[in-house]
C-alpha atoms as a PDB file:
ATOM      1  CA  UNK A   1     -64.692  98.190  64.226  1.00  0.00           C
ATOM      2  CA  UNK A   2     -62.896  97.652  60.930  1.00  0.00           C
ATOM      3  CA  UNK A   3     -66.209  97.213  59.100  1.00  0.00           C
ATOM      4  CA  UNK A   4     -67.598 100.413  60.633  1.00  0.00           C
ATOM      5  CA  UNK A   5     -64.488 102.377  59.662  1.00  0.00           C
ATOM      6  CA  UNK A   6     -64.674 101.118  56.078  1.00  0.00           C
ATOM      7  CA  UNK A   7     -68.339 102.044  55.790  1.00  0.00           C
ATOM      8  CA  UNK A   8     -67.747 105.433  57.424  1.00  0.00           C
ATOM      9  CA  UNK A   9     -65.428 106.354  54.549  1.00  0.00           C
ATOM     10  CA  UNK A  10     -68.079 105.359  51.966  1.00  0.00           C
ATOM     11  CA  UNK A  11     -71.089 107.316  53.234  1.00  0.00           C
ATOM     12  CA  UNK A  12     -71.748 111.026  53.687  1.00  0.00           C
ATOM     13  CA  UNK A  13     -70.827 112.723  56.931  1.00  0.00           C
ATOM     14  CA  UNK A  14     -74.481 113.489  57.611  1.00  0.00           C
ATOM     15  CA  UNK A  15     -75.531 109.858  57.089  1.00  0.00           C
ATOM     16  CA  UNK A  16     -72.810 108.611  59.414  1.00  0.00           C
ATOM     17  CA  UNK A  17     -73.663 111.238  62.062  1.00  0.00           C
ATOM     18  CA  UNK A  18     -77.272 110.038  62.072  1.00  0.00           C
ATOM     19  CA  UNK A  19     -76.136 106.425  62.449  1.00  0.00           C
ATOM     20  CA  UNK A  20     -73.585 107.270  65.141  1.00  0.00           C
ATOM     21  CA  UNK A  21     -75.974 109.279  67.293  1.00  0.00           C
ATOM     22  CA  UNK A  22     -78.971 106.992  66.856  1.00  0.00           C
ATOM     23  CA  UNK A  23     -77.367 103.544  66.915  1.00  0.00           C
ATOM     24  CA  UNK A  24     -73.996 103.820  68.609  1.00  0.00           C
ATOM     25  CA  UNK A  25     -74.795 106.575  71.126  1.00  0.00           C
ATOM     26  CA  UNK A  26     -78.449 105.469  71.449  1.00  0.00           C
ATOM     27  CA  UNK A  27     -80.029 108.908  71.170  1.00  0.00           C
ATOM     28  CA  UNK A  28     -83.769 108.994  70.443  1.00  0.00           C
ATOM     29  CA  UNK A  29     -84.507 109.415  66.723  1.00  0.00           C
ATOM     30  CA  UNK A  30     -86.465 112.586  67.457  1.00  0.00           C
ATOM     31  CA  UNK A  31     -83.414 114.190  69.126  1.00  0.00           C
ATOM     32  CA  UNK A  32     -81.125 113.177  66.264  1.00  0.00           C
ATOM     33  CA  UNK A  33     -83.522 114.633  63.706  1.00  0.00           C
ATOM     34  CA  UNK A  34     -83.856 117.891  65.637  1.00  0.00           C
ATOM     35  CA  UNK A  35     -80.103 118.355  66.167  1.00  0.00           C
ATOM     36  CA  UNK A  36     -79.163 117.526  62.567  1.00  0.00           C
ATOM     37  CA  UNK A  37     -82.150 119.235  60.941  1.00  0.00           C
ATOM     38  CA  UNK A  38     -83.478 116.153  59.175  1.00  0.00           C
ATOM     39  CA  UNK A  39     -86.702 114.186  59.434  1.00  0.00           C
ATOM     40  CA  UNK A  40     -87.084 111.187  61.722  1.00  0.00           C
ATOM     41  CA  UNK A  41     -87.616 109.122  58.570  1.00  0.00           C
ATOM     42  CA  UNK A  42     -84.153 110.162  57.341  1.00  0.00           C
ATOM     43  CA  UNK A  43     -82.656 108.921  60.623  1.00  0.00           C
ATOM     44  CA  UNK A  44     -84.279 105.507  60.189  1.00  0.00           C
ATOM     45  CA  UNK A  45     -83.267 105.275  56.531  1.00  0.00           C
ATOM     46  CA  UNK A  46     -79.648 106.096  57.417  1.00  0.00           C
ATOM     47  CA  UNK A  47     -79.706 103.474  60.177  1.00  0.00           C
ATOM     48  CA  UNK A  48     -80.959 100.741  57.875  1.00  0.00           C
ATOM     49  CA  UNK A  49     -78.701 101.692  54.974  1.00  0.00           C
ATOM     50  CA  UNK A  50     -75.526 101.857  57.048  1.00  0.00           C
ATOM     51  CA  UNK A  51     -76.366  98.746  59.074  1.00  0.00           C
ATOM     52  CA  UNK A  52     -76.734  96.844  55.787  1.00  0.00           C
ATOM     53  CA  UNK A  53     -73.387  98.138  54.531  1.00  0.00           C
ATOM     54  CA  UNK A  54     -71.716  97.161  57.818  1.00  0.00           C
ATOM     55  CA  UNK A  55     -73.169  93.634  57.613  1.00  0.00           C
ATOM     56  CA  UNK A  56     -71.787  93.341  54.079  1.00  0.00           C
ATOM     57  CA  UNK A  57     -68.350  94.534  55.214  1.00  0.00           C
ATOM     58  CA  UNK A  58     -68.329  92.070  58.119  1.00  0.00           C
ATOM     59  CA  UNK A  59     -69.137  89.217  55.716  1.00  0.00           C
ATOM     60  CA  UNK A  60     -66.374  90.391  53.393  1.00  0.00           C
ATOM     61  CA  UNK A  61     -63.848  90.634  56.233  1.00  0.00           C
ATOM     62  CA  UNK A  62     -64.825  87.252  57.666  1.00  0.00           C
ATOM     63  CA  UNK A  63     -64.569  85.688  54.215  1.00  0.00           C
ATOM     64  CA  UNK A  64     -61.042  87.025  53.821  1.00  0.00           C
ATOM     65  CA  UNK A  65     -60.053  85.878  57.300  1.00  0.00           C
ATOM     66  CA  UNK A  66     -61.500  82.415  57.160  1.00  0.00           C
END
């Protein structure tokens, strides 16, 4: 949760909304794209970009804790 919150502050609201709806709430990419007015490709790009940032934050947090 801490890693997600840190990343959330670093990305645009739109990028995080795409990630939240698609990954965390498990909406279909097509629905996310329709609701937010973006392409399905944008949804997938946001997912990959934010997932990478979260992995980096987790590594950083684990490094500090261990």
